[in-house]
Amino acid sequence: MNHPNISNRKRNAAQANRLKKIPFNFTLSSVDVSGSLPYLTTWKSAIPENLKSTMSATNGNNSVDQANLKSLKERLTAEQYHVTQEKGTERPFSGVYNHHSDPGTYKCVVCDDVLFSSDSKFDSGCGWPAFSDVLDKSKVKLTPDFSHVGANLLSFVLHPGSSRTEVTCNKCGAHLGHVFDDGPKPTGQRYCINSASLNFAGKK
């Protein structure tokens, strides 16, 4: 009878050989001996060059220096900091603006730049504030986001449409949320934004 570890290694080696035949350029640098799919640590899939240059970082916000980060930690709540500077996500249905319907505008919690209007807010049922549009396209930056792929790279390679588009404040770089193409007409977009990244200013 073969030793379990030897069997696992043989099975994983066979899986690695099969994966090498997939027509994408990535490197299998190690194999998980637990029997799962090979762990992919370095890779270059067939993503267009113009998208590779804009792929968002997994951690942190490079546009804010360390001194400012310290200041932000003192000024923001722990959740606001986690969402805007560490690209976190608040729990669904927990945000203060999820069911908020007062008329006014929504501003970036970090730099106070006005981003969204209550006129474009709608109830999407997703658990986060949803907007069909921004006040001005120049106010936000849209970036292809592959940070959620993680160890599940093979799934992304086989299903490239699973990528997301991150929304950040164009003025300060704060992470706001993501935008999806399943919103109401006429824009067809759903800006799914964390309440923790926003402040609200009511109409006077």
Protein backbone atom coordinates (compact mmCIF):
# COMPACT_ATOMS: atom_id res chain seq x y z
CA MET A 1 0.00 0.00 0.00
CA ASN A 2 1.35 3.42 -0.97
CA HIS A 3 2.05 6.00 1.70
CA PRO A 4 -0.75 8.70 1.66
CA ASN A 5 1.75 11.53 1.19
CA ILE A 6 3.32 9.79 -1.81
CA SER A 7 -0.10 9.26 -3.38
CA ASN A 8 -1.00 12.89 -2.85
CA ARG A 9 2.24 14.04 -4.44
CA LYS A 10 1.68 11.83 -7.48
CA ARG A 11 -1.89 13.07 -7.86
CA ASN A 12 -0.83 16.71 -7.56
CA ALA A 13 2.02 16.20 -10.02
CA ALA A 14 -0.47 14.81 -12.53
CA GLN A 15 -2.78 17.77 -11.94
CA ALA A 16 0.11 20.18 -12.47
CA ASN A 17 0.99 18.52 -15.77
CA ARG A 18 -2.61 18.81 -16.96
CA LEU A 19 -2.79 22.49 -15.96
CA LYS A 20 0.41 23.25 -17.85
CA LYS A 21 -1.47 22.43 -21.06
CA ILE A 22 -3.93 25.32 -20.52
CA PRO A 23 -3.07 28.05 -23.07
CA PHE A 24 -2.25 30.75 -20.52
CA ASN A 25 1.15 31.89 -19.37
CA PHE A 26 1.53 31.31 -15.64
CA THR A 27 3.98 29.49 -13.37
CA LEU A 28 3.23 26.61 -11.03
CA SER A 29 5.84 27.28 -8.34
CA SER A 30 4.71 24.81 -5.70
CA VAL A 31 2.23 22.03 -5.09
CA ASP A 32 -0.11 21.69 -2.12
CA VAL A 33 0.46 18.22 -0.66
CA SER A 34 -3.00 18.22 0.94
CA GLY A 35 -4.46 16.91 -2.29
CA SER A 36 -6.03 20.15 -3.52
CA LEU A 37 -5.24 21.91 -6.79
CA PRO A 38 -1.71 23.27 -7.17
CA TYR A 39 -1.07 26.54 -5.39
CA LEU A 40 -0.38 29.24 -7.97
CA THR A 41 1.99 31.85 -6.60
CA THR A 42 3.25 33.65 -9.68
CA TRP A 43 1.27 34.06 -12.85
CA LYS A 44 0.70 36.02 -16.00
CA SER A 45 -2.63 35.21 -17.59
CA ALA A 46 -3.82 36.45 -20.93
CA ILE A 47 -4.94 39.82 -19.57
CA PRO A 48 -4.49 42.72 -22.00
CA GLU A 49 -1.43 44.84 -21.26
CA ASN A 50 -3.54 47.97 -20.81
CA LEU A 51 -5.42 46.24 -17.98
CA LYS A 52 -2.32 44.81 -16.30
CA SER A 53 -1.00 48.31 -15.73
CA THR A 54 -4.17 49.31 -13.88
CA MET A 55 -4.76 46.20 -11.79
CA SER A 56 -5.51 47.35 -8.27
CA ALA A 57 -3.25 46.56 -5.35
CA THR A 58 -4.52 44.02 -2.86
CA ASN A 59 -3.56 45.97 0.25
CA GLY A 60 -3.31 49.61 1.16
CA ASN A 61 -3.52 52.86 -0.73
CA ASN A 62 -0.27 54.06 -2.29
CA SER A 63 -1.58 57.58 -2.91
CA VAL A 64 -1.51 58.40 0.81
CA ASP A 65 1.85 58.63 2.61
CA GLN A 66 2.53 57.16 6.03
CA ALA A 67 2.10 60.46 7.88
CA ASN A 68 -1.33 60.94 6.37
CA LEU A 69 -2.24 57.33 7.18
CA LYS A 70 -1.48 57.97 10.83
CA SER A 71 -3.62 61.10 10.72
CA LEU A 72 -6.45 59.20 9.05
CA LYS A 73 -6.35 56.48 11.72
CA GLU A 74 -6.97 59.18 14.30
CA ARG A 75 -9.71 60.91 12.30
CA LEU A 76 -11.64 57.95 10.91
CA THR A 77 -13.41 55.11 12.69
CA ALA A 78 -11.78 51.68 12.50
CA GLU A 79 -14.30 50.57 9.87
CA GLN A 80 -13.94 53.73 7.79
CA TYR A 81 -10.18 53.29 7.75
CA HIS A 82 -10.39 49.59 6.90
CA VAL A 83 -12.76 50.23 3.99
CA THR A 84 -11.11 53.31 2.47
CA GLN A 85 -7.42 52.54 3.05
CA GLU A 86 -7.31 48.73 3.18
CA LYS A 87 -9.98 48.08 0.53
CA GLY A 88 -12.25 46.40 3.04
CA THR A 89 -15.99 45.76 2.80
CA GLU A 90 -18.55 46.44 5.50
CA ARG A 91 -21.05 43.70 6.36
CA PRO A 92 -24.10 43.70 4.06
CA PHE A 93 -27.18 45.53 5.41
CA SER A 94 -25.09 47.05 8.21
CA GLY A 95 -24.27 50.44 6.66
CA VAL A 96 -25.98 53.61 7.88
CA TYR A 97 -26.80 54.69 4.30
CA ASN A 98 -28.14 51.39 2.99
CA HIS A 99 -31.80 52.41 3.40
CA HIS A 100 -31.12 56.13 3.62
CA SER A 101 -33.49 58.15 1.40
CA ASP A 102 -33.11 61.81 2.43
CA PRO A 103 -32.43 64.26 -0.43
CA GLY A 104 -28.87 65.49 -0.66
CA THR A 105 -25.39 64.45 -1.72
CA TYR A 106 -22.88 61.83 -0.62
CA LYS A 107 -19.26 62.85 -0.13
CA CYS A 108 -16.00 60.96 0.26
CA VAL A 109 -15.42 60.42 3.98
CA VAL A 110 -11.68 61.03 3.54
CA CYS A 111 -11.42 64.19 1.39
CA ASP A 112 -15.02 65.49 1.43
CA ASP A 113 -15.30 65.53 -2.37
CA VAL A 114 -18.93 65.27 -3.54
CA LEU A 115 -19.45 61.99 -5.41
CA PHE A 116 -23.09 60.87 -5.56
CA SER A 117 -26.55 62.40 -5.47
CA SER A 118 -29.62 61.03 -3.73
CA ASP A 119 -31.35 61.39 -7.12
CA SER A 120 -29.38 58.42 -8.46
CA LYS A 121 -29.69 56.26 -5.32
CA PHE A 122 -31.93 53.21 -5.52
CA ASP A 123 -32.73 50.11 -3.48
CA SER A 124 -30.93 47.25 -5.19
CA GLY A 125 -31.43 44.80 -2.34
CA CYS A 126 -27.72 43.96 -2.38
CA GLY A 127 -27.09 45.15 1.20
CA TRP A 128 -25.04 48.24 0.35
CA PRO A 129 -25.97 51.73 -0.86
CA ALA A 130 -26.48 51.61 -4.63
CA PHE A 131 -26.29 54.42 -7.16
CA SER A 132 -27.04 54.31 -10.87
CA ASP A 133 -24.49 57.03 -11.64
CA VAL A 134 -21.93 59.45 -10.21
CA LEU A 135 -22.37 63.21 -10.18
CA ASP A 136 -19.35 63.59 -12.45
CA LYS A 137 -17.39 60.76 -14.11
CA SER A 138 -14.15 62.57 -13.29
CA LYS A 139 -14.91 62.25 -9.57
CA VAL A 140 -14.15 58.53 -9.45
CA LYS A 141 -11.59 56.16 -10.86
CA LEU A 142 -12.59 52.74 -12.19
CA THR A 143 -9.99 49.98 -12.00
CA PRO A 144 -10.14 46.28 -12.97
CA ASP A 145 -9.95 44.41 -9.66
CA PHE A 146 -8.51 40.90 -9.47
CA SER A 147 -7.77 40.93 -5.72
CA HIS A 148 -10.60 38.49 -4.97
CA VAL A 149 -9.08 35.79 -7.20
CA GLY A 150 -6.47 34.74 -4.62
CA ALA A 151 -5.70 31.03 -4.72
CA ASN A 152 -8.69 30.49 -7.00
CA LEU A 153 -6.72 31.68 -10.02
CA LEU A 154 -7.67 28.67 -12.13
CA SER A 155 -11.34 29.63 -11.84
CA PHE A 156 -10.54 33.12 -13.13
CA VAL A 157 -8.47 31.74 -16.00
CA LEU A 158 -11.38 29.57 -17.08
CA HIS A 159 -13.98 32.30 -16.38
CA PRO A 160 -12.34 35.69 -17.06
CA GLY A 161 -15.69 37.45 -16.81
CA SER A 162 -15.58 36.98 -13.03
CA SER A 163 -13.37 40.06 -12.60
CA ARG A 164 -14.72 43.12 -10.75
CA THR A 165 -14.34 46.85 -11.26
CA GLU A 166 -13.19 48.81 -8.22
CA VAL A 167 -14.45 52.36 -7.58
CA THR A 168 -12.09 54.78 -5.84
CA CYS A 169 -12.23 58.50 -5.13
CA ASN A 170 -10.24 60.21 -7.88
CA LYS A 171 -9.14 63.01 -5.55
CA CYS A 172 -7.67 61.04 -2.63
CA GLY A 173 -7.65 57.40 -3.80
CA ALA A 174 -10.00 56.13 -1.07
CA HIS A 175 -11.64 52.79 -1.83
CA LEU A 176 -15.40 53.21 -2.19
CA GLY A 177 -16.74 49.91 -3.52
CA HIS A 178 -17.38 48.31 -6.92
CA VAL A 179 -19.51 48.99 -9.98
CA PHE A 180 -21.54 46.35 -11.84
CA ASP A 181 -23.42 46.33 -15.15
CA ASP A 182 -26.76 45.25 -13.70
CA GLY A 183 -28.27 48.60 -12.70
CA PRO A 184 -31.43 50.35 -13.90
CA LYS A 185 -31.77 52.24 -17.16
CA PRO A 186 -30.60 54.53 -18.63
CA THR A 187 -27.06 53.91 -17.29
CA GLY A 188 -27.42 50.18 -16.62
CA GLN A 189 -24.88 50.54 -13.83
CA ARG A 190 -24.96 49.75 -10.12
CA TYR A 191 -22.36 51.54 -8.04
CA CYS A 192 -22.25 49.33 -4.93
CA ILE A 193 -20.68 51.65 -2.34
CA ASN A 194 -19.74 51.13 1.31
CA SER A 195 -21.55 53.45 3.72
CA ALA A 196 -18.28 53.67 5.66
CA SER A 197 -16.66 55.46 2.72
CA LEU A 198 -19.30 58.20 2.63
CA ASN A 199 -20.61 61.23 4.46
CA PHE A 200 -24.03 62.70 3.71
CA ALA A 201 -24.94 66.35 3.26
CA GLY A 202 -28.66 67.06 3.25
CA LYS A 203 -30.28 69.66 1.03
CA LYS A 204 -30.74 73.00 2.78
